[in-house]
C-alpha atoms as a PDB file:
ATOM      1  CA  MET A   1       0.395  20.517 -29.554  1.00  0.00           C
ATOM      2  CA  SER A   2       2.071  21.632 -26.339  1.00  0.00           C
ATOM      3  CA  THR A   3       4.276  19.517 -24.293  1.00  0.00           C
ATOM      4  CA  PHE A   4       1.887  19.826 -21.488  1.00  0.00           C
ATOM      5  CA  SER A   5      -1.019  18.310 -23.732  1.00  0.00           C
ATOM      6  CA  ILE A   6       1.511  15.618 -24.595  1.00  0.00           C
ATOM      7  CA  PHE A   7       1.992  14.884 -20.970  1.00  0.00           C
ATOM      8  CA  LEU A   8      -1.588  14.851 -20.413  1.00  0.00           C
ATOM      9  CA  VAL A   9      -2.237  12.139 -22.946  1.00  0.00           C
ATOM     10  CA  LEU A  10       0.583  10.073 -21.482  1.00  0.00           C
ATOM     11  CA  ILE A  11      -0.686  10.367 -18.055  1.00  0.00           C
ATOM     12  CA  THR A  12      -4.182   9.367 -19.240  1.00  0.00           C
ATOM     13  CA  ILE A  13      -2.758   6.162 -20.912  1.00  0.00           C
ATOM     14  CA  VAL A  14      -0.601   5.127 -17.763  1.00  0.00           C
ATOM     15  CA  CYS A  15      -3.545   5.618 -15.723  1.00  0.00           C
ATOM     16  CA  PHE A  16      -5.871   3.514 -17.910  1.00  0.00           C
ATOM     17  CA  LEU A  17      -2.994   0.828 -17.848  1.00  0.00           C
ATOM     18  CA  LEU A  18      -2.671   1.051 -13.931  1.00  0.00           C
ATOM     19  CA  ILE A  19      -6.492   0.531 -13.469  1.00  0.00           C
ATOM     20  CA  VAL A  20      -6.354  -2.602 -15.826  1.00  0.00           C
ATOM     21  CA  VAL A  21      -3.282  -4.124 -14.054  1.00  0.00           C
ATOM     22  CA  ILE A  22      -4.812  -3.487 -10.684  1.00  0.00           C
ATOM     23  CA  MET A  23      -8.252  -4.837 -11.561  1.00  0.00           C
ATOM     24  CA  VAL A  24      -6.621  -8.025 -12.630  1.00  0.00           C
ATOM     25  CA  GLN A  25      -5.019  -8.544  -9.538  1.00  0.00           C
ATOM     26  CA  ASN A  26      -7.090  -9.998  -6.489  1.00  0.00           C
ATOM     27  CA  PRO A  27      -5.749  -9.349  -2.885  1.00  0.00           C
ATOM     28  CA  LYS A  28      -6.728 -12.979  -1.636  1.00  0.00           C
ATOM     29  CA  GLY A  29      -4.604 -14.793  -4.374  1.00  0.00           C
ATOM     30  CA  GLY A  30      -7.316 -14.985  -6.997  1.00  0.00           C
ATOM     31  CA  GLY A  31      -7.489 -12.860 -10.017  1.00  0.00           C
ATOM     32  CA  LEU A  32      -5.712 -13.707 -13.250  1.00  0.00           C
ATOM     33  CA  SER A  33      -3.341 -16.194 -11.292  1.00  0.00           C
ATOM     34  CA  SER A  34      -6.225 -18.255 -10.277  1.00  0.00           C
ATOM     35  CA  THR A  35      -7.956 -18.224 -13.598  1.00  0.00           C
ATOM     36  CA  ILE A  36      -4.809 -19.519 -15.598  1.00  0.00           C
ATOM     37  CA  GLY A  37      -4.405 -22.564 -13.298  1.00  0.00           C
ATOM     38  CA  GLY A  38      -1.761 -24.198 -15.044  1.00  0.00           C
ATOM     39  CA  SER A  39       2.018 -24.010 -14.560  1.00  0.00           C
ATOM     40  CA  GLN A  40       2.435 -24.163 -18.503  1.00  0.00           C
ATOM     41  CA  MET A  41       0.591 -20.797 -19.079  1.00  0.00           C
ATOM     42  CA  LEU A  42       2.751 -17.528 -18.674  1.00  0.00           C
ATOM     43  CA  GLY A  43       5.265 -19.357 -16.621  1.00  0.00           C
ATOM     44  CA  GLY A  44       2.943 -20.440 -13.906  1.00  0.00           C
ATOM     45  CA  VAL A  45       0.879 -18.530 -11.135  1.00  0.00           C
ATOM     46  CA  GLN A  46       3.910 -17.252  -9.119  1.00  0.00           C
ATOM     47  CA  LYS A  47       5.349 -15.753 -12.364  1.00  0.00           C
ATOM     48  CA  THR A  48       2.025 -14.031 -13.001  1.00  0.00           C
ATOM     49  CA  THR A  49       1.730 -12.579  -9.624  1.00  0.00           C
ATOM     50  CA  ASP A  50       5.300 -11.292  -9.848  1.00  0.00           C
ATOM     51  CA  PHE A  51       4.719  -9.810 -13.147  1.00  0.00           C
ATOM     52  CA  LEU A  52       1.481  -8.113 -12.133  1.00  0.00           C
ATOM     53  CA  ASP A  53       3.182  -6.942  -8.786  1.00  0.00           C
ATOM     54  CA  LYS A  54       6.280  -5.481 -10.798  1.00  0.00           C
ATOM     55  CA  SER A  55       4.047  -3.930 -13.523  1.00  0.00           C
ATOM     56  CA  THR A  56       1.945  -2.051 -10.871  1.00  0.00           C
ATOM     57  CA  TRP A  57       4.994  -0.676  -9.342  1.00  0.00           C
ATOM     58  CA  THR A  58       6.492   0.246 -12.676  1.00  0.00           C
ATOM     59  CA  LEU A  59       3.463   2.148 -13.764  1.00  0.00           C
ATOM     60  CA  ALA A  60       3.085   3.856 -10.509  1.00  0.00           C
ATOM     61  CA  THR A  61       6.645   5.228 -10.925  1.00  0.00           C
ATOM     62  CA  ILE A  62       6.007   6.107 -14.518  1.00  0.00           C
ATOM     63  CA  LEU A  63       2.787   8.013 -13.441  1.00  0.00           C
ATOM     64  CA  ILE A  64       4.650   9.889 -10.594  1.00  0.00           C
ATOM     65  CA  ALA A  65       7.489  10.759 -12.905  1.00  0.00           C
ATOM     66  CA  LEU A  66       5.061  12.204 -15.744  1.00  0.00           C
ATOM     67  CA  ILE A  67       3.164  14.242 -13.327  1.00  0.00           C
ATOM     68  CA  LEU A  68       6.380  15.819 -11.866  1.00  0.00           C
ATOM     69  CA  LEU A  69       7.504  16.437 -15.420  1.00  0.00           C
ATOM     70  CA  SER A  70       4.264  17.908 -16.586  1.00  0.00           C
ATOM     71  CA  SER A  71       4.322  20.420 -13.767  1.00  0.00           C
ATOM     72  CA  LEU A  72       7.652  21.594 -14.800  1.00  0.00           C
ATOM     73  CA  SER A  73       6.509  21.942 -18.401  1.00  0.00           C
ATOM     74  CA  PHE A  74       3.254  23.901 -17.367  1.00  0.00           C
ATOM     75  CA  THR A  75       3.833  27.636 -18.576  1.00  0.00           C
ATOM     76  CA  GLY A  76       0.661  28.898 -16.878  1.00  0.00           C
ATOM     77  CA  THR A  77      -0.873  30.192 -20.004  1.00  0.00           C
ATOM     78  CA  LEU A  78      -4.393  28.851 -19.040  1.00  0.00           C
ATOM     79  CA  SER A  79      -4.432  30.963 -16.028  1.00  0.00           C
ATOM     80  CA  ASP A  80      -5.355  34.576 -16.260  1.00  0.00           C
ATOM     81  CA  THR A  81      -2.385  36.335 -14.448  1.00  0.00           C
ATOM     82  CA  ASP A  82      -3.495  39.745 -15.345  1.00  0.00           C
ATOM     83  CA  SER A  83      -6.384  40.982 -13.251  1.00  0.00           C
ATOM     84  CA  LYS A  84      -8.975  43.108 -15.069  1.00  0.00           C
ATOM     85  CA  ILE A  85     -10.396  44.525 -11.950  1.00  0.00           C
ATOM     86  CA  ILE A  86      -7.159  46.216 -10.859  1.00  0.00           C
ATOM     87  CA  ASP A  87      -6.455  47.557 -14.412  1.00  0.00           C
ATOM     88  CA  ASN A  88      -9.840  49.031 -14.615  1.00  0.00           C
ATOM     89  CA  THR A  89      -9.590  50.723 -11.433  1.00  0.00           C
ATOM     90  CA  GLU A  90      -6.172  52.152 -12.135  1.00  0.00           C
ATOM     91  CA  THR A  91      -7.100  53.477 -15.554  1.00  0.00           C
ATOM     92  CA  ALA A  92     -10.516  55.114 -14.301  1.00  0.00           C
ATOM     93  CA  ALA A  93     -10.682  58.747 -13.592  1.00  0.00           C
ATOM     94  CA  PRO A  94     -11.209  59.314  -9.890  1.00  0.00           C
ATOM     95  CA  VAL A  95     -14.739  60.258  -8.951  1.00  0.00           C
ATOM     96  CA  ALA A  96     -15.233  63.592  -7.165  1.00  0.00           C
ATOM     97  CA  PRO A  97     -17.394  63.490  -4.300  1.00  0.00           C
ATOM     98  CA  ALA A  98     -20.914  64.937  -4.956  1.00  0.00           C
ATOM     99  CA  THR A  99     -21.344  68.253  -3.216  1.00  0.00           C
ATOM    100  CA  ALA A 100     -24.722  69.767  -2.210  1.00  0.00           C
ATOM    101  CA  ALA A 101     -25.950  72.813  -4.098  1.00  0.00           C
ATOM    102  CA  PRO A 102     -25.407  76.242  -2.104  1.00  0.00           C
ATOM    103  CA  VAL A 103     -28.372  77.254  -0.169  1.00  0.00           C
ATOM    104  CA  GLN A 104     -29.412  80.836  -1.190  1.00  0.00           C
ATOM    105  CA  ASN A 105     -30.495  83.351   1.435  1.00  0.00           C
ATOM    106  CA  LEU A 106     -33.876  84.432   0.413  1.00  0.00           C
ATOM    107  CA  PRO A 107     -35.473  87.348   2.002  1.00  0.00           C
ATOM    108  CA  VAL A 108     -38.380  86.389   4.540  1.00  0.00           C
ATOM    109  CA  THR A 109     -41.571  88.210   3.747  1.00  0.00           C
ATOM    110  CA  GLU A 110     -44.264  88.829   6.543  1.00  0.00           C
END
């Protein structure tokens, strides 16, 4: 397994976690913070909002770092750098232009 494949797996996992964390949040103050309701669970509503906010920024930073590192580890073996069209035209023998057959002068009979 190449390092690029490992980065792709890690990027997929981080994207999934980031989607989950964002879906739990509610921009109007609801979301997970409103469903807990009590201050005795998870340190209270304010602590939950702080945790979700910090985890969103952390996962976004990790995602950007993984994307940059994966671009550095990409070797380009998946792309076809050798053009087969150019190779075929260089190795093919040049084609001579077609010439018309010479016209023969036939005697005119009257």
